[in-house]
Amino acid sequence: MKIIVVGGGGREHAIIKKLKENINVEKIYALPGNGGIAADAECVPIGAKDIDNIVDFAINNKIDFAVVAPDDPLVLGAVDALNAAGIKCFGPTADAAIIEGSKVFSKNLMKKYGIPTAAYEVFDSADKALEYVENAPMPAVIKADGLALGKGVIIAKTVDEARGAVNSIMNDKIFGKSGNSIVIEEFLEGPEISVLAFTDGKTIKPMISSMDHKRALDGDEGLNTGGMGTIAPNPYYTEKVAEECMNKIFLPTVEAMNAENRTFKGCLYFGLMLTADGPKVIEYNCRFGDPETQVVLPLLKSDLLDIMLAVADSRLDEVPVEFSGESACCVILASKGYPVKYESGFELTLPRTDHKTEYFIAGAKLEDGKLYSAGGRVLGVTAVAPTLPEAVSRAYDATDKVGFSNGFCRRDIGKRALKVIEEAN
């Protein structure tokens, strides 16, 4: 079987490594991939949003299956175009990907179908939004409606900060057209939980839970990033919480999308907050999270390709989705200065790892057989172990052996989770 994976980051590298485990996989192409992914797939210089050329490549190379991983091409209709060309795909069509593509849509969906989320107001006028924040309770969460590389959310602690956020998003257009409309939400408090789930629109099978670390610096300080590290499973996600999420959030979301004639097939990401009133949805994503994928897939015991094919064929109920009882930790090595200004072109040296530790390359180029940094988040180092303390220790041991003179990482990935486990014991 010949497969294309659309995308070029650490998430795509993790997907490709897992797909390679299936003995029926003859060839994997990454479009566009990156210098590190080139060790596991043939990289083709076609951008993830270049849908016409992606389709042409799939037809000309007799591709059997396509995995569209990033949000942009999904929202732009890559799956629709590939399906129209007769290429079977994993990923939602554009009308379903709107669940991430428009925060206004997703908030209104939750309100209409009684799915627990933060109270909110929608604005398409900066003047009206500015008028609203003058008397709104603070802190407030201000979100650009459209896609913004996972960074279109500003938490305003004061009215002055809220004014600044509205002006930055709606008037200064720091997120481009994504900020034509905004959502202003109440500020929720509690532990955050990420749950990815396979769904074919009829059946939903959640994956193991995880915990992301969004802020750039230790102690959850600094600017929001695309994610500086993850652990799995998330100790806050107990069996009781999982059952409540299934009954009040996961199944109702799938049913709501069906009721709107937007059947979702692919990976549906639930960003949750465990509040005093129970779990609530912070956000939906229409695809695998990054870097959540880098801890979730290494713990997957079942065959990923078999699951993806079952989703595409609407027979997910026939295929097992099982995870090991182990734990995983991913530490992100980023370029100094990320997420604002950083330099690229620094050599990366990656020591050998055992089968329980892997490098997932996010931003690197290959020149004369050597890897060089080529992005903000450069690579993720993931370790799997019987317990979370061991996984964290192994991940940092492996991270410290990477040669990258311009790199930095958070030193407290998993600290909150370890404290929860310690207190429970």
Protein backbone atom coordinates (compact mmCIF):
# COMPACT_ATOMS: atom_id res chain seq x y z
CA MET A 1 0.00 0.00 0.00
CA LYS A 2 1.28 3.47 -0.93
CA ILE A 3 0.40 6.29 1.45
CA ILE A 4 0.80 10.05 1.55
CA VAL A 5 0.91 11.96 4.83
CA VAL A 6 0.20 15.66 4.36
CA GLY A 7 2.17 17.88 6.74
CA GLY A 8 5.72 18.41 7.88
CA GLY A 9 6.02 18.58 11.68
CA GLY A 10 6.60 16.43 14.74
CA ARG A 11 3.01 15.21 14.71
CA GLU A 12 3.39 13.95 11.14
CA HIS A 13 6.68 12.26 12.03
CA ALA A 14 4.94 10.39 14.86
CA ILE A 15 2.10 9.34 12.53
CA ILE A 16 4.54 8.13 9.87
CA LYS A 17 6.59 6.10 12.34
CA LYS A 18 3.43 4.40 13.57
CA LEU A 19 2.08 3.73 10.06
CA LYS A 20 5.38 2.05 9.15
CA GLU A 21 4.63 -0.70 11.66
CA ASN A 22 1.97 -2.14 9.32
CA ILE A 23 3.50 -4.85 7.10
CA ASN A 24 1.24 -3.87 4.18
CA VAL A 25 2.83 -0.43 3.88
CA GLU A 26 5.03 -0.40 0.80
CA LYS A 27 5.85 3.32 0.61
CA ILE A 28 5.09 6.51 2.55
CA TYR A 29 5.44 9.97 1.05
CA ALA A 30 5.45 13.08 3.25
CA LEU A 31 4.15 16.28 1.67
CA PRO A 32 6.25 18.30 2.37
CA GLY A 33 7.86 16.51 5.33
CA ASN A 34 11.16 17.80 6.72
CA GLY A 35 14.81 16.83 7.03
CA GLY A 36 14.17 14.49 9.97
CA ILE A 37 11.09 12.87 8.49
CA ALA A 38 13.24 12.01 5.45
CA ALA A 39 14.68 9.10 7.48
CA ASP A 40 11.24 7.46 7.57
CA ALA A 41 9.44 8.64 4.42
CA GLU A 42 10.17 10.12 1.03
CA CYS A 43 9.69 13.87 1.31
CA VAL A 44 8.05 15.66 -1.61
CA PRO A 45 8.30 19.48 -1.82
CA ILE A 46 4.57 20.14 -2.05
CA GLY A 47 3.14 22.44 0.63
CA ALA A 48 0.36 21.19 2.89
CA LYS A 49 -2.04 23.85 1.56
CA ASP A 50 -1.21 23.22 -2.11
CA ILE A 51 -4.27 21.05 -2.60
CA ASP A 52 -4.25 20.90 -6.40
CA ASN A 53 -0.68 19.58 -6.49
CA ILE A 54 -1.33 17.18 -3.62
CA VAL A 55 -4.21 15.67 -5.60
CA ASP A 56 -2.13 15.51 -8.80
CA PHE A 57 0.69 13.77 -6.94
CA ALA A 58 -1.71 11.24 -5.43
CA ILE A 59 -3.21 10.41 -8.81
CA ASN A 60 0.11 10.25 -10.68
CA ASN A 61 1.72 8.03 -8.04
CA LYS A 62 -1.30 5.72 -7.64
CA ILE A 63 -1.64 6.48 -3.94
CA ASP A 64 -3.91 4.07 -2.05
CA PHE A 65 -4.50 6.13 1.08
CA ALA A 66 -3.97 9.69 2.29
CA VAL A 67 -3.64 11.03 5.82
CA VAL A 68 -4.26 14.78 6.03
CA ALA A 69 -2.84 15.83 9.38
CA PRO A 70 -2.73 19.67 9.75
CA ASP A 71 -5.69 21.96 10.31
CA ASP A 72 -5.18 24.32 7.35
CA PRO A 73 -5.56 21.78 4.51
CA LEU A 74 -8.47 20.10 6.30
CA VAL A 75 -10.36 23.38 6.64
CA LEU A 76 -9.49 24.24 3.03
CA GLY A 77 -11.01 20.98 1.76
CA ALA A 78 -8.05 18.70 1.04
CA VAL A 79 -10.03 15.58 1.98
CA ASP A 80 -12.94 16.65 -0.24
CA ALA A 81 -10.57 17.12 -3.20
CA LEU A 82 -8.76 13.82 -2.64
CA ASN A 83 -12.01 11.91 -2.23
CA ALA A 84 -13.32 13.46 -5.44
CA ALA A 85 -10.23 12.08 -7.19
CA GLY A 86 -10.93 8.60 -5.84
CA ILE A 87 -8.29 8.66 -3.08
CA LYS A 88 -9.42 7.22 0.25
CA CYS A 89 -8.56 9.56 3.16
CA PHE A 90 -8.25 9.83 6.90
CA GLY A 91 -9.49 13.22 8.03
CA PRO A 92 -12.69 15.25 8.07
CA THR A 93 -14.18 17.02 5.07
CA ALA A 94 -14.25 20.82 5.09
CA ASP A 95 -17.83 21.04 6.33
CA ALA A 96 -16.84 19.02 9.43
CA ALA A 97 -13.39 20.61 9.89
CA ILE A 98 -15.21 23.88 10.60
CA ILE A 99 -15.46 22.64 14.19
CA GLU A 100 -11.88 23.93 14.49
CA GLY A 101 -11.89 26.38 11.59
CA SER A 102 -14.45 28.64 13.29
CA LYS A 103 -14.60 29.12 17.04
CA VAL A 104 -17.88 30.95 16.54
CA PHE A 105 -19.33 27.84 14.90
CA SER A 106 -18.07 25.49 17.62
CA LYS A 107 -19.28 27.69 20.48
CA ASN A 108 -22.71 28.06 18.89
CA LEU A 109 -22.81 24.28 18.30
CA MET A 110 -22.13 23.59 21.98
CA LYS A 111 -24.74 26.11 23.08
CA LYS A 112 -27.37 24.67 20.72
CA TYR A 113 -26.82 21.07 21.80
CA GLY A 114 -26.16 21.61 25.52
CA ILE A 115 -22.49 20.58 25.51
CA PRO A 116 -20.75 22.09 28.58
CA THR A 117 -18.43 25.00 27.77
CA ALA A 118 -17.59 28.49 29.00
CA ALA A 119 -20.18 31.27 28.70
CA TYR A 120 -19.35 33.53 25.76
CA GLU A 121 -20.25 36.41 23.46
CA VAL A 122 -19.43 36.77 19.75
CA PHE A 123 -18.37 40.04 18.10
CA ASP A 124 -17.68 41.03 14.51
CA SER A 125 -17.29 44.72 15.41
CA ALA A 126 -14.23 45.94 17.32
CA ASP A 127 -16.19 48.90 18.72
CA LYS A 128 -18.88 46.63 20.19
CA ALA A 129 -16.27 44.26 21.59
CA LEU A 130 -14.42 47.16 23.22
CA GLU A 131 -17.67 48.43 24.69
CA TYR A 132 -18.43 44.95 26.09
CA VAL A 133 -15.05 44.44 27.83
CA GLU A 134 -15.46 47.69 29.81
CA ASN A 135 -17.89 45.90 32.13
CA ALA A 136 -17.02 42.24 31.52
CA PRO A 137 -15.74 40.16 34.43
CA MET A 138 -11.96 39.69 34.39
CA PRO A 139 -9.98 37.61 33.62
CA ALA A 140 -11.54 37.05 30.21
CA VAL A 141 -10.48 34.80 27.33
CA ILE A 142 -10.39 36.45 23.91
CA LYS A 143 -10.17 34.20 20.85
CA ALA A 144 -9.79 34.87 17.16
CA ASP A 145 -12.53 33.06 15.26
CA GLY A 146 -10.32 31.33 12.69
CA LEU A 147 -7.08 29.35 12.62
CA ALA A 148 -4.00 31.00 14.13
CA LEU A 149 -1.34 28.28 14.46
CA GLY A 150 -2.69 27.37 17.89
CA LYS A 151 -1.87 30.85 19.21
CA GLY A 152 -5.08 32.80 18.60
CA VAL A 153 -6.08 32.94 22.26
CA ILE A 154 -5.30 35.78 24.67
CA ILE A 155 -6.08 35.66 28.39
CA ALA A 156 -6.75 39.21 29.57
CA LYS A 157 -6.35 39.73 33.32
CA THR A 158 -7.50 43.35 33.29
CA VAL A 159 -9.77 45.61 31.24
CA ASP A 160 -6.68 47.31 29.80
CA GLU A 161 -5.33 43.93 28.64
CA ALA A 162 -8.74 43.06 27.18
CA ARG A 163 -8.81 46.32 25.23
CA GLY A 164 -5.32 45.58 23.94
CA ALA A 165 -6.31 42.05 22.91
CA VAL A 166 -9.39 43.23 21.01
CA ASN A 167 -7.40 45.91 19.21
CA SER A 168 -4.54 43.54 18.38
CA ILE A 169 -6.82 40.86 16.96
CA MET A 170 -9.54 42.92 15.27
CA ASN A 171 -7.84 46.20 14.32
CA ASP A 172 -4.15 45.32 14.01
CA LYS A 173 -5.01 41.89 12.47
CA ILE A 174 -2.13 40.05 14.22
CA PHE A 175 -3.84 36.80 13.16
CA GLY A 176 -4.97 38.11 9.75
CA LYS A 177 -8.51 37.36 8.60
CA SER A 178 -8.90 34.89 11.49
CA GLY A 179 -9.55 37.94 13.66
CA ASN A 180 -12.47 39.37 11.66
CA SER A 181 -14.71 37.92 14.37
CA ILE A 182 -13.83 37.13 17.97
CA VAL A 183 -15.22 35.15 20.87
CA ILE A 184 -14.97 36.56 24.40
CA GLU A 185 -15.37 33.83 27.00
CA GLU A 186 -15.58 33.57 30.74
CA PHE A 187 -12.31 32.46 32.31
CA LEU A 188 -12.53 28.86 33.52
CA GLU A 189 -10.28 27.42 36.21
CA GLY A 190 -9.09 23.87 36.74
CA PRO A 191 -6.70 21.27 35.32
CA GLU A 192 -6.55 20.98 31.53
CA ILE A 193 -6.93 17.63 29.79
CA SER A 194 -6.40 16.73 26.13
CA VAL A 195 -8.27 13.77 24.67
CA LEU A 196 -7.90 12.71 21.04
CA ALA A 197 -10.58 10.40 19.69
CA PHE A 198 -11.06 8.31 16.58
CA THR A 199 -14.55 8.62 15.14
CA ASP A 200 -16.28 7.56 11.94
CA GLY A 201 -19.39 9.59 12.68
CA LYS A 202 -21.15 6.61 14.26
CA THR A 203 -18.65 5.22 16.76
CA ILE A 204 -16.22 7.21 18.87
CA LYS A 205 -13.17 5.64 20.52
CA PRO A 206 -11.12 7.98 22.72
CA MET A 207 -7.37 7.56 22.87
CA ILE A 208 -5.32 7.75 26.04
CA SER A 209 -5.50 11.17 27.71
CA SER A 210 -2.61 13.63 27.81
CA MET A 211 -1.48 16.92 29.36
CA ASP A 212 0.03 19.70 27.24
CA HIS A 213 2.35 22.47 28.46
CA LYS A 214 1.61 25.56 26.34
CA ARG A 215 3.69 28.29 27.94
CA ALA A 216 7.26 28.80 26.77
CA LEU A 217 8.94 28.87 30.17
CA ASP A 218 9.08 26.84 33.38
CA GLY A 219 6.27 27.33 35.84
CA ASP A 220 3.83 28.08 33.02
CA GLU A 221 5.42 31.49 32.49
CA GLY A 222 6.09 33.27 29.20
CA LEU A 223 4.13 33.41 25.98
CA ASN A 224 1.75 30.79 24.62
CA THR A 225 3.40 28.40 22.16
CA GLY A 226 2.29 25.51 19.98
CA GLY A 227 3.23 23.25 22.93
CA MET A 228 6.50 22.71 24.82
CA GLY A 229 5.89 19.16 25.96
CA THR A 230 3.33 16.55 26.93
CA ILE A 231 2.76 13.57 29.20
CA ALA A 232 0.32 10.68 28.98
CA PRO A 233 -1.84 9.51 30.59
CA ASN A 234 -3.19 12.59 32.36
CA PRO A 235 -3.73 11.72 36.06
CA TYR A 236 -6.72 14.07 36.30
CA TYR A 237 -8.57 11.97 33.71
CA THR A 238 -10.03 9.33 36.03
CA GLU A 239 -12.52 6.66 35.02
CA LYS A 240 -15.30 8.79 36.49
CA VAL A 241 -14.23 11.85 34.49
CA ALA A 242 -13.87 9.73 31.34
CA GLU A 243 -17.41 8.40 31.72
CA GLU A 244 -18.81 11.90 32.24
CA CYS A 245 -16.92 13.17 29.18
CA MET A 246 -18.23 10.34 27.03
CA ASN A 247 -21.85 10.91 28.03
CA LYS A 248 -21.91 14.72 28.16
CA ILE A 249 -19.28 15.77 25.61
CA PHE A 250 -17.89 13.13 23.22
CA LEU A 251 -21.06 11.37 22.06
CA PRO A 252 -23.16 14.56 22.06
CA THR A 253 -20.54 16.28 19.87
CA VAL A 254 -20.57 13.48 17.28
CA GLU A 255 -24.39 13.47 17.32
CA ALA A 256 -24.54 17.27 17.05
CA MET A 257 -22.30 17.24 13.97
CA ASN A 258 -24.49 14.57 12.41
CA ALA A 259 -27.60 16.61 13.18
CA GLU A 260 -25.99 19.58 11.39
CA ASN A 261 -25.25 17.38 8.34
CA ARG A 262 -21.53 17.75 9.03
CA THR A 263 -20.61 14.15 9.89
CA PHE A 264 -17.10 14.10 11.35
CA LYS A 265 -14.73 11.28 10.33
CA GLY A 266 -11.13 11.36 11.51
CA CYS A 267 -9.43 12.42 14.72
CA LEU A 268 -11.48 14.77 16.89
CA TYR A 269 -9.48 16.57 19.57
CA PHE A 270 -11.16 17.65 22.80
CA GLY A 271 -9.40 20.34 24.82
CA LEU A 272 -11.06 20.07 28.22
CA MET A 273 -10.95 21.82 31.57
CA LEU A 274 -11.95 19.99 34.73
CA THR A 275 -13.85 22.74 36.56
CA ALA A 276 -15.65 22.63 39.91
CA ASP A 277 -18.82 22.06 37.85
CA GLY A 278 -17.33 19.14 35.93
CA PRO A 279 -15.47 18.87 32.60
CA LYS A 280 -16.08 21.59 30.02
CA VAL A 281 -14.85 22.04 26.44
CA ILE A 282 -12.21 24.73 25.96
CA GLU A 283 -11.70 23.97 22.27
CA TYR A 284 -12.14 21.40 19.53
CA ASN A 285 -9.47 20.54 16.97
CA CYS A 286 -10.28 18.67 13.76
CA ARG A 287 -7.03 16.65 13.83
CA PHE A 288 -4.30 15.07 15.95
CA GLY A 289 -2.81 17.54 18.44
CA ASP A 290 0.84 18.53 18.38
CA PRO A 291 2.68 17.56 20.60
CA GLU A 292 -0.04 15.33 22.13
CA THR A 293 0.35 12.87 19.24
CA GLN A 294 4.00 12.38 20.19
CA VAL A 295 2.99 10.76 23.51
CA VAL A 296 -0.32 9.17 22.52
CA LEU A 297 0.75 7.15 19.46
CA PRO A 298 3.84 5.56 21.07
CA LEU A 299 1.42 4.04 23.63
CA LEU A 300 -0.98 2.70 20.96
CA LYS A 301 -0.89 -1.12 20.85
CA SER A 302 -3.39 -1.48 18.00
CA ASP A 303 -2.41 -0.93 14.37
CA LEU A 304 -2.83 2.72 13.36
CA LEU A 305 -3.37 2.08 9.66
CA ASP A 306 -6.06 -0.52 10.39
CA ILE A 307 -7.85 2.04 12.58
CA MET A 308 -7.56 4.81 9.99
CA LEU A 309 -8.89 2.59 7.23
CA ALA A 310 -11.80 1.56 9.46
CA VAL A 311 -12.63 5.22 10.10
CA ALA A 312 -12.57 5.97 6.37
CA ASP A 313 -14.83 2.96 5.70
CA SER A 314 -17.27 3.75 8.57
CA ARG A 315 -16.54 0.50 10.41
CA LEU A 316 -14.63 1.73 13.47
CA ASP A 317 -16.83 -0.48 15.66
CA GLU A 318 -15.10 -3.53 14.16
CA VAL A 319 -11.51 -2.55 15.03
CA PRO A 320 -9.80 -2.58 18.45
CA VAL A 321 -8.24 0.64 19.77
CA GLU A 322 -6.02 -0.45 22.65
CA PHE A 323 -3.22 1.25 24.56
CA SER A 324 -0.41 -0.09 26.71
CA GLY A 325 -0.49 0.50 30.45
CA GLU A 326 2.73 2.48 30.26
CA SER A 327 3.40 6.23 30.45
CA ALA A 328 5.05 8.62 28.02
CA CYS A 329 6.74 12.02 28.21
CA CYS A 330 7.68 14.32 25.32
CA VAL A 331 10.08 17.23 25.79
CA ILE A 332 10.18 19.83 23.01
CA LEU A 333 13.53 21.35 22.05
CA ALA A 334 12.90 24.78 20.54
CA SER A 335 15.07 27.51 19.06
CA LYS A 336 16.07 30.21 21.56
CA GLY A 337 13.67 33.12 21.26
CA TYR A 338 10.66 30.99 20.23
CA PRO A 339 7.75 31.78 19.94
CA VAL A 340 8.75 35.31 18.90
CA LYS A 341 12.09 35.80 17.14
CA TYR A 342 14.63 33.03 16.63
CA GLU A 343 17.48 31.99 14.36
CA SER A 344 17.73 28.80 12.30
CA GLY A 345 20.56 26.86 10.67
CA PHE A 346 22.15 25.29 13.76
CA GLU A 347 23.41 21.72 13.41
CA LEU A 348 21.55 18.95 15.23
CA THR A 349 23.25 15.76 16.40
CA LEU A 350 20.99 12.97 17.58
CA PRO A 351 22.57 10.13 19.59
CA ARG A 352 21.24 6.61 19.17
CA THR A 353 18.16 5.76 21.22
CA ASP A 354 16.64 2.49 22.39
CA HIS A 355 13.20 1.33 21.25
CA LYS A 356 11.59 3.14 24.19
CA THR A 357 12.92 6.58 23.22
CA GLU A 358 12.27 8.38 19.93
CA TYR A 359 13.02 11.69 18.24
CA PHE A 360 10.15 13.30 16.38
CA ILE A 361 11.53 16.04 14.13
CA ALA A 362 9.38 19.15 13.76
CA GLY A 363 11.59 21.81 12.16
CA ALA A 364 14.80 20.67 10.49
CA LYS A 365 16.42 20.57 7.05
CA LEU A 366 18.85 18.00 5.68
CA GLU A 367 22.01 19.22 3.97
CA ASP A 368 24.95 16.98 2.97
CA GLY A 369 23.73 14.28 5.32
CA LYS A 370 23.49 16.60 8.33
CA LEU A 371 20.43 18.01 10.10
CA TYR A 372 20.06 21.74 10.77
CA SER A 373 17.35 23.59 12.69
CA ALA A 374 14.69 25.19 10.50
CA GLY A 375 11.91 26.38 12.75
CA GLY A 376 10.74 27.40 16.20
CA ARG A 377 9.91 23.99 17.61
CA VAL A 378 12.71 21.81 16.28
CA LEU A 379 12.17 18.35 17.74
CA GLY A 380 10.38 16.38 20.41
CA VAL A 381 12.10 13.74 22.51
CA THR A 382 9.63 11.08 23.67
CA ALA A 383 10.31 8.33 26.20
CA VAL A 384 8.02 5.47 27.19
CA ALA A 385 8.36 3.71 30.56
CA PRO A 386 6.28 1.65 33.01
CA THR A 387 5.67 4.73 35.19
CA LEU A 388 5.47 8.47 34.57
CA PRO A 389 8.46 9.35 36.80
CA GLU A 390 10.60 6.94 34.76
CA ALA A 391 9.28 8.32 31.46
CA VAL A 392 10.04 11.90 32.49
CA SER A 393 13.54 10.96 33.65
CA ARG A 394 14.29 9.07 30.43
CA ALA A 395 12.96 11.87 28.25
CA TYR A 396 15.22 14.45 29.89
CA ASP A 397 18.22 12.11 29.81
CA ALA A 398 17.75 11.73 26.05
CA THR A 399 17.05 15.45 25.56
CA ASP A 400 20.30 16.38 27.29
CA LYS A 401 22.27 14.20 24.87
CA VAL A 402 20.98 16.06 21.78
CA GLY A 403 23.53 18.38 20.23
CA PHE A 404 21.78 21.69 19.52
CA SER A 405 23.65 24.83 20.58
CA ASN A 406 20.72 27.17 19.95
CA GLY A 407 18.11 25.03 21.70
CA PHE A 408 16.14 25.38 24.89
CA CYS A 409 13.46 23.37 26.63
CA ARG A 410 11.26 23.58 29.66
CA ARG A 411 12.67 21.63 32.60
CA ASP A 412 9.33 20.99 34.30
CA ILE A 413 7.37 18.90 31.78
CA GLY A 414 5.26 16.48 33.81
CA LYS A 415 5.89 18.21 37.14
CA ARG A 416 2.20 18.95 37.80
CA ALA A 417 1.20 15.41 36.85
CA LEU A 418 3.87 13.89 39.09
CA LYS A 419 2.60 15.99 42.00
CA VAL A 420 -0.97 14.71 41.44
CA ILE A 421 0.26 11.10 41.38
CA GLU A 422 2.35 11.66 44.50
CA GLU A 423 -0.58 13.20 46.39
CA ALA A 424 -2.87 10.35 45.34
CA ASN A 425 -0.45 7.85 46.84
